[in-house]
Each structure stands twice: as structure tokens, then as C-alpha cells.
Amino acid sequence: MGLNFLTSLAKRTTIQHSKRCFSSKNSISRIWTESKSCSNFNTTAVPKTPSFSFLFLLRKSYTSSSSSSAKTQVGFLAWYLGALESRPIITKSISSAIIYAASDVTSQMITMSPSDSLDIIRTLRMAGFGLLILGTAQHLWFNFVASVLPKRDIISTLKKLLMGQLAFGPVINSIFFSFNAALQGENGEEIVARLKRDLLPTMMNGLMYWPLCDFLTYKVIPVHLQPLANSAFAYAWTIYLTYVASSKKAVAV
């Protein structure tokens, strides 16, 4: 009897222990499943924060604006090169007019006192010279030099430089001073007196600036872009030149 009781008690204890273990395992499994589902919910169901969305949109906007700006620059360059190809003289003339007008405005701003105002008529004179004379002269000159000396070696480049200093420079500067003097109302004798006073010192000062500019232009720049490069180099030079051209009349002897 006692033995049967002990055997029955052992069986009952084993069964209860098994039930508790099974229940514990089920609880652990349920907790793991719930934890995993919560983790998945946190990583997939939670929407992006407003700050992250703002940064994403800001980056996208910056990329789009940068791409648009680059396309605009490339588009303008392509348009300008196309204009040089289809209407070379007009394009070069307008470019020269803009550069000469900008140079004259800069020259006036450097030299005028705070109480002075810009001389628009003077600026229009300089722009008129670039538009009516310089653009066409540059086109004809650079094409002529390229046809006579088509190579780009050092010797040919130095020959082109020498031709520019001895021929094109004196002629175009003489026309520039005469053009501006005539528009200021000076007569023939006064124009001649101005040339005697201003032309040689201007050419001598130009020897400290133009040889290097001309060398780079003839050596590196393609022929159809040489007038533009020449006008770009002329920006700094014209600040000085417009100041000289607008100085007081020379006394005719």
C-alpha cells in the first residue's frame, strides 16, 4: 500500500513538472514571438521623421538646382559658340561693346569722387567703338594672321606677336583715340595733337602688358575665339585706355 502510494505520488509529481515546463516553454516562445513582431513593427511600420524627410528633400532640391545651373551654363556656351559660327562679326562686335562698356564703368568708379556720377555718354562712346569698329577689326585681323601663319609653334607665335605690336596695335589705338576725340567735338588739329601726346606713351605702356597676352592668345586659343580672348584681356587694359582717351584736350601746336 505504501509502495503504491509513493509510486502514484511520483507519477503525479512528474506529470505536474512536465506541465510546468511545457507551460514555461510556451510562455518563452510567446514572449520571443511578440518581441520579434514588435521589432519588425518598429523597423518597418514607423514612418520617417519630418527632419529626415526635410533633409532628403533639401538634398534633392540642391542636386536638381546644381544640375539645372550646369545645364544653363552649358546651354549658354553652346548658344554663344553657335552664334560665333553663324554670325561671327555681329557676335564679336557685341562682345567687344559689352567689355569696353564694363571697362569704362570700372575706370570711372576708380577715378571719380563720391560726389560725382557716372558719365553715361562716355560709356556709350566706348561701347560704340567696340560695336562699330573693334569687333570687325579683330575678326579680320585674327583671321588674316591665321591664314598667313597657320602654325602654332614658338617661332610662328612670336611672329604673330611681333606683327600685332608693330601693325595692329598702333593702328587700332590711333583709331580709338581719333574716334573718341571726334565724338567729344575735337577738330582735326586737336585730334592730331592728341595722337602726338598720347599714342606713343600708350604703346610703350602696352609693351609691359600685351606681349604676354598676345602670346597666350596666338599659342593656346582657337582662331574663332581669339577676338573674345583679346577683348577679355583688353578689359584691364581698357580701364587705363578709357582714362587716357577721356583726358583733357591736347594743345595744337
C-alpha atoms as a PDB file:
ATOM      1  CA  MET A   1       0.000   0.000   0.000  1.00  0.00           C
ATOM      2  CA  GLY A   2       2.714   2.440   0.931  1.00  0.00           C
ATOM      3  CA  LEU A   3       4.658   1.465  -2.114  1.00  0.00           C
ATOM      4  CA  ASN A   4       1.660   2.087  -4.345  1.00  0.00           C
ATOM      5  CA  PHE A   5       1.114   5.488  -2.747  1.00  0.00           C
ATOM      6  CA  LEU A   6       4.725   6.535  -3.338  1.00  0.00           C
ATOM      7  CA  THR A   7       4.574   5.350  -6.928  1.00  0.00           C
ATOM      8  CA  SER A   8       1.346   7.291  -7.531  1.00  0.00           C
ATOM      9  CA  LEU A   9       2.844  10.436  -5.902  1.00  0.00           C
ATOM     10  CA  ALA A  10       5.956  10.221  -8.080  1.00  0.00           C
ATOM     11  CA  LYS A  11       3.903   9.903 -11.245  1.00  0.00           C
ATOM     12  CA  ARG A  12       1.753  12.894 -10.263  1.00  0.00           C
ATOM     13  CA  THR A  13       4.811  14.993  -9.475  1.00  0.00           C
ATOM     14  CA  THR A  14       6.418  14.104 -12.808  1.00  0.00           C
ATOM     15  CA  ILE A  15       3.253  14.977 -14.699  1.00  0.00           C
ATOM     16  CA  GLN A  16       2.922  18.352 -12.935  1.00  0.00           C
ATOM     17  CA  HIS A  17       6.586  19.134 -13.541  1.00  0.00           C
ATOM     18  CA  SER A  18       6.189  18.306 -17.206  1.00  0.00           C
ATOM     19  CA  LYS A  19       3.154  20.563 -17.439  1.00  0.00           C
ATOM     20  CA  ARG A  20       5.033  23.440 -15.806  1.00  0.00           C
ATOM     21  CA  CYS A  21       7.998  23.035 -18.183  1.00  0.00           C
ATOM     22  CA  PHE A  22       5.707  22.892 -21.188  1.00  0.00           C
ATOM     23  CA  SER A  23       3.843  25.991 -19.976  1.00  0.00           C
ATOM     24  CA  SER A  24       7.147  27.808 -19.378  1.00  0.00           C
ATOM     25  CA  LYS A  25       8.394  26.944 -22.848  1.00  0.00           C
ATOM     26  CA  ASN A  26       5.162  28.162 -24.369  1.00  0.00           C
ATOM     27  CA  SER A  27       5.485  31.422 -22.441  1.00  0.00           C
ATOM     28  CA  ILE A  28       9.069  31.941 -23.563  1.00  0.00           C
ATOM     29  CA  SER A  29       8.125  31.147 -27.160  1.00  0.00           C
ATOM     30  CA  ARG A  30       5.182  33.574 -26.994  1.00  0.00           C
ATOM     31  CA  ILE A  31       7.363  36.306 -25.493  1.00  0.00           C
ATOM     32  CA  TRP A  32      10.036  35.779 -28.221  1.00  0.00           C
ATOM     33  CA  THR A  33       7.407  35.880 -30.959  1.00  0.00           C
ATOM     34  CA  GLU A  34       5.850  39.052 -29.575  1.00  0.00           C
ATOM     35  CA  SER A  35       9.269  40.660 -29.181  1.00  0.00           C
ATOM     36  CA  LYS A  36      10.203  39.798 -32.742  1.00  0.00           C
ATOM     37  CA  SER A  37       6.933  41.130 -34.108  1.00  0.00           C
ATOM     38  CA  CYS A  38       7.422  44.342 -32.141  1.00  0.00           C
ATOM     39  CA  SER A  39      10.912  44.643 -33.514  1.00  0.00           C
ATOM     40  CA  ASN A  40       9.637  44.225 -37.051  1.00  0.00           C
ATOM     41  CA  PHE A  41       6.951  46.761 -36.379  1.00  0.00           C
ATOM     42  CA  ASN A  42       9.492  49.269 -35.113  1.00  0.00           C
ATOM     43  CA  THR A  43      11.750  48.895 -38.136  1.00  0.00           C
ATOM     44  CA  THR A  44       9.123  48.767 -40.851  1.00  0.00           C
ATOM     45  CA  ALA A  45       5.950  50.359 -39.652  1.00  0.00           C
ATOM     46  CA  VAL A  46       7.365  53.517 -38.058  1.00  0.00           C
ATOM     47  CA  PRO A  47       7.254  56.343 -40.595  1.00  0.00           C
ATOM     48  CA  LYS A  48      10.239  58.536 -41.345  1.00  0.00           C
ATOM     49  CA  THR A  49      10.664  61.571 -39.145  1.00  0.00           C
ATOM     50  CA  PRO A  50       9.889  65.039 -40.577  1.00  0.00           C
ATOM     51  CA  SER A  51      13.529  66.149 -40.150  1.00  0.00           C
ATOM     52  CA  PHE A  52      14.776  63.216 -42.214  1.00  0.00           C
ATOM     53  CA  SER A  53      12.223  63.966 -44.920  1.00  0.00           C
ATOM     54  CA  PHE A  54      13.236  67.642 -44.936  1.00  0.00           C
ATOM     55  CA  LEU A  55      16.927  66.769 -45.311  1.00  0.00           C
ATOM     56  CA  PHE A  56      16.108  64.371 -48.123  1.00  0.00           C
ATOM     57  CA  LEU A  57      14.058  66.995 -49.947  1.00  0.00           C
ATOM     58  CA  LEU A  58      16.755  69.634 -49.367  1.00  0.00           C
ATOM     59  CA  ARG A  59      19.426  67.371 -50.826  1.00  0.00           C
ATOM     60  CA  LYS A  60      17.207  66.528 -53.781  1.00  0.00           C
ATOM     61  CA  SER A  61      16.490  70.230 -54.374  1.00  0.00           C
ATOM     62  CA  TYR A  62      20.209  71.114 -54.191  1.00  0.00           C
ATOM     63  CA  THR A  63      21.086  68.349 -56.644  1.00  0.00           C
ATOM     64  CA  SER A  64      18.358  69.486 -59.018  1.00  0.00           C
ATOM     65  CA  SER A  65      19.427  73.159 -58.805  1.00  0.00           C
ATOM     66  CA  SER A  66      23.102  72.270 -59.358  1.00  0.00           C
ATOM     67  CA  SER A  67      22.188  70.158 -62.354  1.00  0.00           C
ATOM     68  CA  SER A  68      19.964  72.942 -63.706  1.00  0.00           C
ATOM     69  CA  SER A  69      22.737  75.538 -63.230  1.00  0.00           C
ATOM     70  CA  ALA A  70      25.258  73.348 -65.029  1.00  0.00           C
ATOM     71  CA  LYS A  71      22.823  72.787 -67.893  1.00  0.00           C
ATOM     72  CA  THR A  72      22.216  76.544 -68.112  1.00  0.00           C
ATOM     73  CA  GLN A  73      25.957  77.280 -68.323  1.00  0.00           C
ATOM     74  CA  VAL A  74      26.489  74.590 -70.938  1.00  0.00           C
ATOM     75  CA  GLY A  75      23.444  75.855 -72.823  1.00  0.00           C
ATOM     76  CA  PHE A  76      24.737  79.438 -72.867  1.00  0.00           C
ATOM     77  CA  LEU A  77      28.189  78.330 -74.014  1.00  0.00           C
ATOM     78  CA  ALA A  78      26.680  76.225 -76.782  1.00  0.00           C
ATOM     79  CA  TRP A  79      24.488  79.164 -77.819  1.00  0.00           C
ATOM     80  CA  TYR A  80      27.461  81.558 -77.873  1.00  0.00           C
ATOM     81  CA  LEU A  81      29.638  79.188 -79.905  1.00  0.00           C
ATOM     82  CA  GLY A  82      26.753  78.700 -82.307  1.00  0.00           C
ATOM     83  CA  ALA A  83      26.381  82.474 -82.646  1.00  0.00           C
ATOM     84  CA  LEU A  84      30.117  82.788 -83.345  1.00  0.00           C
ATOM     85  CA  GLU A  85      29.740  80.201 -86.091  1.00  0.00           C
ATOM     86  CA  SER A  86      26.612  81.639 -87.726  1.00  0.00           C
ATOM     87  CA  ARG A  87      27.105  85.400 -87.138  1.00  0.00           C
ATOM     88  CA  PRO A  88      30.781  85.897 -86.236  1.00  0.00           C
ATOM     89  CA  ILE A  89      31.140  89.646 -86.811  1.00  0.00           C
ATOM     90  CA  ILE A  90      27.941  90.660 -85.005  1.00  0.00           C
ATOM     91  CA  THR A  91      28.689  88.354 -82.064  1.00  0.00           C
ATOM     92  CA  LYS A  92      32.263  89.600 -81.700  1.00  0.00           C
ATOM     93  CA  SER A  93      31.157  93.217 -82.037  1.00  0.00           C
ATOM     94  CA  ILE A  94      28.528  92.894 -79.300  1.00  0.00           C
ATOM     95  CA  SER A  95      31.027  91.092 -77.053  1.00  0.00           C
ATOM     96  CA  SER A  96      33.577  93.886 -77.547  1.00  0.00           C
ATOM     97  CA  ALA A  97      30.938  96.544 -76.842  1.00  0.00           C
ATOM     98  CA  ILE A  98      29.964  94.900 -73.548  1.00  0.00           C
ATOM     99  CA  ILE A  99      33.584  94.510 -72.430  1.00  0.00           C
ATOM    100  CA  TYR A 100      34.500  98.104 -73.332  1.00  0.00           C
ATOM    101  CA  ALA A 101      31.410  99.464 -71.573  1.00  0.00           C
ATOM    102  CA  ALA A 102      32.241  97.446 -68.445  1.00  0.00           C
ATOM    103  CA  SER A 103      35.849  98.648 -68.569  1.00  0.00           C
ATOM    104  CA  ASP A 104      34.797 102.285 -68.825  1.00  0.00           C
ATOM    105  CA  VAL A 105      32.348 101.988 -65.916  1.00  0.00           C
ATOM    106  CA  THR A 106      35.106 100.402 -63.819  1.00  0.00           C
ATOM    107  CA  SER A 107      37.544 103.155 -64.818  1.00  0.00           C
ATOM    108  CA  GLN A 108      35.074 105.862 -63.836  1.00  0.00           C
ATOM    109  CA  MET A 109      34.301 104.232 -60.496  1.00  0.00           C
ATOM    110  CA  ILE A 110      38.012 104.098 -59.680  1.00  0.00           C
ATOM    111  CA  THR A 111      38.745 107.738 -60.525  1.00  0.00           C
ATOM    112  CA  MET A 112      35.561 109.649 -59.658  1.00  0.00           C
ATOM    113  CA  SER A 113      34.943 111.337 -56.319  1.00  0.00           C
ATOM    114  CA  PRO A 114      31.994 110.394 -54.089  1.00  0.00           C
ATOM    115  CA  SER A 115      30.013 113.411 -55.291  1.00  0.00           C
ATOM    116  CA  ASP A 116      30.401 112.545 -58.994  1.00  0.00           C
ATOM    117  CA  SER A 117      28.062 110.398 -61.063  1.00  0.00           C
ATOM    118  CA  LEU A 118      28.758 108.074 -63.963  1.00  0.00           C
ATOM    119  CA  ASP A 119      29.252 109.693 -67.367  1.00  0.00           C
ATOM    120  CA  ILE A 120      26.845 107.597 -69.436  1.00  0.00           C
ATOM    121  CA  ILE A 121      27.765 109.411 -72.661  1.00  0.00           C
ATOM    122  CA  ARG A 122      31.415 108.468 -72.195  1.00  0.00           C
ATOM    123  CA  THR A 123      30.449 104.834 -71.594  1.00  0.00           C
ATOM    124  CA  LEU A 124      28.314 104.844 -74.745  1.00  0.00           C
ATOM    125  CA  ARG A 125      31.277 106.201 -76.716  1.00  0.00           C
ATOM    126  CA  MET A 126      33.451 103.317 -75.562  1.00  0.00           C
ATOM    127  CA  ALA A 127      30.716 100.772 -76.237  1.00  0.00           C
ATOM    128  CA  GLY A 128      30.195 102.313 -79.680  1.00  0.00           C
ATOM    129  CA  PHE A 129      33.864 101.851 -80.524  1.00  0.00           C
ATOM    130  CA  GLY A 130      33.691  98.166 -79.579  1.00  0.00           C
ATOM    131  CA  LEU A 131      30.456  97.656 -81.502  1.00  0.00           C
ATOM    132  CA  LEU A 132      31.217  99.598 -84.672  1.00  0.00           C
ATOM    133  CA  ILE A 133      34.978  99.205 -85.083  1.00  0.00           C
ATOM    134  CA  LEU A 134      36.830  96.843 -82.771  1.00  0.00           C
ATOM    135  CA  GLY A 135      34.732  93.683 -83.225  1.00  0.00           C
ATOM    136  CA  THR A 136      35.063  93.766 -87.014  1.00  0.00           C
ATOM    137  CA  ALA A 137      38.749  94.757 -86.851  1.00  0.00           C
ATOM    138  CA  GLN A 138      39.572  91.858 -84.526  1.00  0.00           C
ATOM    139  CA  HIS A 139      37.694  89.392 -86.733  1.00  0.00           C
ATOM    140  CA  LEU A 140      39.547  90.457 -89.862  1.00  0.00           C
ATOM    141  CA  TRP A 141      42.939  90.689 -88.167  1.00  0.00           C
ATOM    142  CA  PHE A 142      42.980  87.324 -86.406  1.00  0.00           C
ATOM    143  CA  ASN A 143      41.692  85.503 -89.476  1.00  0.00           C
ATOM    144  CA  PHE A 144      44.346  87.218 -91.607  1.00  0.00           C
ATOM    145  CA  VAL A 145      47.140  86.276 -89.190  1.00  0.00           C
ATOM    146  CA  ALA A 146      45.904  82.667 -89.029  1.00  0.00           C
ATOM    147  CA  SER A 147      45.907  82.428 -92.825  1.00  0.00           C
ATOM    148  CA  VAL A 148      49.418  83.869 -93.142  1.00  0.00           C
ATOM    149  CA  LEU A 149      50.913  81.923 -90.196  1.00  0.00           C
ATOM    150  CA  PRO A 150      48.696  78.870 -89.606  1.00  0.00           C
ATOM    151  CA  LYS A 151      51.150  77.024 -87.326  1.00  0.00           C
ATOM    152  CA  ARG A 152      51.223  77.332 -83.540  1.00  0.00           C
ATOM    153  CA  ASP A 153      54.884  76.650 -82.862  1.00  0.00           C
ATOM    154  CA  ILE A 154      57.002  79.096 -80.871  1.00  0.00           C
ATOM    155  CA  ILE A 155      58.537  80.820 -83.903  1.00  0.00           C
ATOM    156  CA  SER A 156      55.178  81.336 -85.619  1.00  0.00           C
ATOM    157  CA  THR A 157      53.632  82.594 -82.392  1.00  0.00           C
ATOM    158  CA  LEU A 158      56.439  85.128 -81.886  1.00  0.00           C
ATOM    159  CA  LYS A 159      55.996  86.327 -85.468  1.00  0.00           C
ATOM    160  CA  LYS A 160      52.277  86.853 -84.876  1.00  0.00           C
ATOM    161  CA  LEU A 161      53.066  88.707 -81.658  1.00  0.00           C
ATOM    162  CA  LEU A 162      55.506  90.981 -83.468  1.00  0.00           C
ATOM    163  CA  MET A 163      53.004  91.692 -86.240  1.00  0.00           C
ATOM    164  CA  GLY A 164      50.407  92.650 -83.659  1.00  0.00           C
ATOM    165  CA  GLN A 165      52.731  95.023 -81.818  1.00  0.00           C
ATOM    166  CA  LEU A 166      54.039  96.715 -84.968  1.00  0.00           C
ATOM    167  CA  ALA A 167      50.866  96.809 -87.099  1.00  0.00           C
ATOM    168  CA  PHE A 168      47.547  96.088 -85.393  1.00  0.00           C
ATOM    169  CA  GLY A 169      48.327  97.800 -82.077  1.00  0.00           C
ATOM    170  CA  PRO A 170      49.360 101.228 -83.414  1.00  0.00           C
ATOM    171  CA  VAL A 171      46.531 101.304 -85.971  1.00  0.00           C
ATOM    172  CA  ILE A 172      43.722 100.290 -83.628  1.00  0.00           C
ATOM    173  CA  ASN A 173      44.934 102.630 -80.860  1.00  0.00           C
ATOM    174  CA  SER A 174      45.121 105.530 -83.326  1.00  0.00           C
ATOM    175  CA  ILE A 175      41.568 104.813 -84.460  1.00  0.00           C
ATOM    176  CA  PHE A 176      40.429 104.530 -80.843  1.00  0.00           C
ATOM    177  CA  PHE A 177      41.842 107.916 -79.813  1.00  0.00           C
ATOM    178  CA  SER A 178      40.591 109.587 -83.011  1.00  0.00           C
ATOM    179  CA  PHE A 179      37.095 108.085 -82.691  1.00  0.00           C
ATOM    180  CA  ASN A 180      36.661 109.232 -79.087  1.00  0.00           C
ATOM    181  CA  ALA A 181      38.183 112.650 -79.719  1.00  0.00           C
ATOM    182  CA  ALA A 182      35.873 113.255 -82.683  1.00  0.00           C
ATOM    183  CA  LEU A 183      32.806 112.296 -80.617  1.00  0.00           C
ATOM    184  CA  GLN A 184      33.951 114.766 -77.950  1.00  0.00           C
ATOM    185  CA  GLY A 185      33.877 117.531 -80.555  1.00  0.00           C
ATOM    186  CA  GLU A 186      37.605 117.900 -81.234  1.00  0.00           C
ATOM    187  CA  ASN A 187      38.684 119.089 -84.687  1.00  0.00           C
ATOM    188  CA  GLY A 188      41.376 117.613 -86.914  1.00  0.00           C
ATOM    189  CA  GLU A 189      44.243 119.621 -85.436  1.00  0.00           C
ATOM    190  CA  GLU A 190      43.243 118.745 -81.894  1.00  0.00           C
ATOM    191  CA  ILE A 191      42.973 115.056 -82.806  1.00  0.00           C
ATOM    192  CA  VAL A 192      46.463 115.114 -84.307  1.00  0.00           C
ATOM    193  CA  ALA A 193      47.792 116.881 -81.210  1.00  0.00           C
ATOM    194  CA  ARG A 194      46.147 114.230 -79.008  1.00  0.00           C
ATOM    195  CA  LEU A 195      47.752 111.432 -81.023  1.00  0.00           C
ATOM    196  CA  LYS A 196      51.149 113.051 -80.687  1.00  0.00           C
ATOM    197  CA  ARG A 197      50.692 113.385 -76.954  1.00  0.00           C
ATOM    198  CA  ASP A 198      49.011 110.066 -76.082  1.00  0.00           C
ATOM    199  CA  LEU A 199      49.766 107.439 -78.740  1.00  0.00           C
ATOM    200  CA  LEU A 200      53.458 106.773 -78.125  1.00  0.00           C
ATOM    201  CA  PRO A 201      53.240 106.655 -74.298  1.00  0.00           C
ATOM    202  CA  THR A 202      50.248 104.311 -74.625  1.00  0.00           C
ATOM    203  CA  MET A 203      52.176 101.969 -76.947  1.00  0.00           C
ATOM    204  CA  MET A 204      55.174 101.982 -74.628  1.00  0.00           C
ATOM    205  CA  ASN A 205      52.994 101.110 -71.634  1.00  0.00           C
ATOM    206  CA  GLY A 206      51.347  98.413 -73.722  1.00  0.00           C
ATOM    207  CA  LEU A 207      54.681  96.649 -74.136  1.00  0.00           C
ATOM    208  CA  MET A 208      54.526  95.763 -70.440  1.00  0.00           C
ATOM    209  CA  TYR A 209      51.126  94.077 -70.845  1.00  0.00           C
ATOM    210  CA  TRP A 210      50.217  92.942 -74.352  1.00  0.00           C
ATOM    211  CA  PRO A 211      53.122  90.677 -75.426  1.00  0.00           C
ATOM    212  CA  LEU A 212      52.245  88.022 -72.838  1.00  0.00           C
ATOM    213  CA  CYS A 213      48.512  88.338 -73.610  1.00  0.00           C
ATOM    214  CA  ASP A 214      49.135  88.040 -77.348  1.00  0.00           C
ATOM    215  CA  PHE A 215      51.437  85.065 -76.867  1.00  0.00           C
ATOM    216  CA  LEU A 216      48.759  83.171 -74.930  1.00  0.00           C
ATOM    217  CA  THR A 217      46.105  84.173 -77.444  1.00  0.00           C
ATOM    218  CA  TYR A 218      48.028  83.027 -80.519  1.00  0.00           C
ATOM    219  CA  LYS A 219      49.505  79.939 -78.890  1.00  0.00           C
ATOM    220  CA  VAL A 220      46.543  78.491 -76.997  1.00  0.00           C
ATOM    221  CA  ILE A 221      43.218  79.989 -78.130  1.00  0.00           C
ATOM    222  CA  PRO A 222      41.413  78.728 -81.289  1.00  0.00           C
ATOM    223  CA  VAL A 223      41.141  81.305 -84.073  1.00  0.00           C
ATOM    224  CA  HIS A 224      37.376  81.814 -83.790  1.00  0.00           C
ATOM    225  CA  LEU A 225      37.743  82.562 -80.042  1.00  0.00           C
ATOM    226  CA  GLN A 226      40.827  84.801 -80.315  1.00  0.00           C
ATOM    227  CA  PRO A 227      38.831  88.060 -80.635  1.00  0.00           C
ATOM    228  CA  LEU A 228      36.912  87.176 -77.465  1.00  0.00           C
ATOM    229  CA  ALA A 229      40.153  86.352 -75.623  1.00  0.00           C
ATOM    230  CA  ASN A 230      41.695  89.593 -76.895  1.00  0.00           C
ATOM    231  CA  SER A 231      38.699  91.582 -75.653  1.00  0.00           C
ATOM    232  CA  ALA A 232      38.830  89.788 -72.303  1.00  0.00           C
ATOM    233  CA  PHE A 233      42.497  90.709 -71.904  1.00  0.00           C
ATOM    234  CA  ALA A 234      41.557  94.215 -73.022  1.00  0.00           C
ATOM    235  CA  TYR A 235      39.239  94.645 -70.020  1.00  0.00           C
ATOM    236  CA  ALA A 236      42.077  95.613 -67.657  1.00  0.00           C
ATOM    237  CA  TRP A 237      43.935  97.492 -70.389  1.00  0.00           C
ATOM    238  CA  THR A 238      40.851  99.477 -71.416  1.00  0.00           C
ATOM    239  CA  ILE A 239      40.385 100.752 -67.876  1.00  0.00           C
ATOM    240  CA  TYR A 240      43.635 102.624 -68.423  1.00  0.00           C
ATOM    241  CA  LEU A 241      42.904 103.378 -72.090  1.00  0.00           C
ATOM    242  CA  THR A 242      39.485 104.947 -71.496  1.00  0.00           C
ATOM    243  CA  TYR A 243      41.011 107.147 -68.816  1.00  0.00           C
ATOM    244  CA  VAL A 244      43.631 108.420 -71.278  1.00  0.00           C
ATOM    245  CA  ALA A 245      41.074 108.846 -74.073  1.00  0.00           C
ATOM    246  CA  SER A 246      38.831 110.956 -71.827  1.00  0.00           C
ATOM    247  CA  SER A 247      41.595 113.266 -70.627  1.00  0.00           C
ATOM    248  CA  LYS A 248      41.577 116.953 -71.498  1.00  0.00           C
ATOM    249  CA  LYS A 249      42.299 118.188 -74.981  1.00  0.00           C
ATOM    250  CA  ALA A 250      45.853 118.468 -76.208  1.00  0.00           C
ATOM    251  CA  VAL A 251      47.092 121.895 -77.246  1.00  0.00           C
ATOM    252  CA  ALA A 252      47.555 122.072 -81.009  1.00  0.00           C
ATOM    253  CA  VAL A 253      50.942 123.470 -81.983  1.00  0.00           C
END
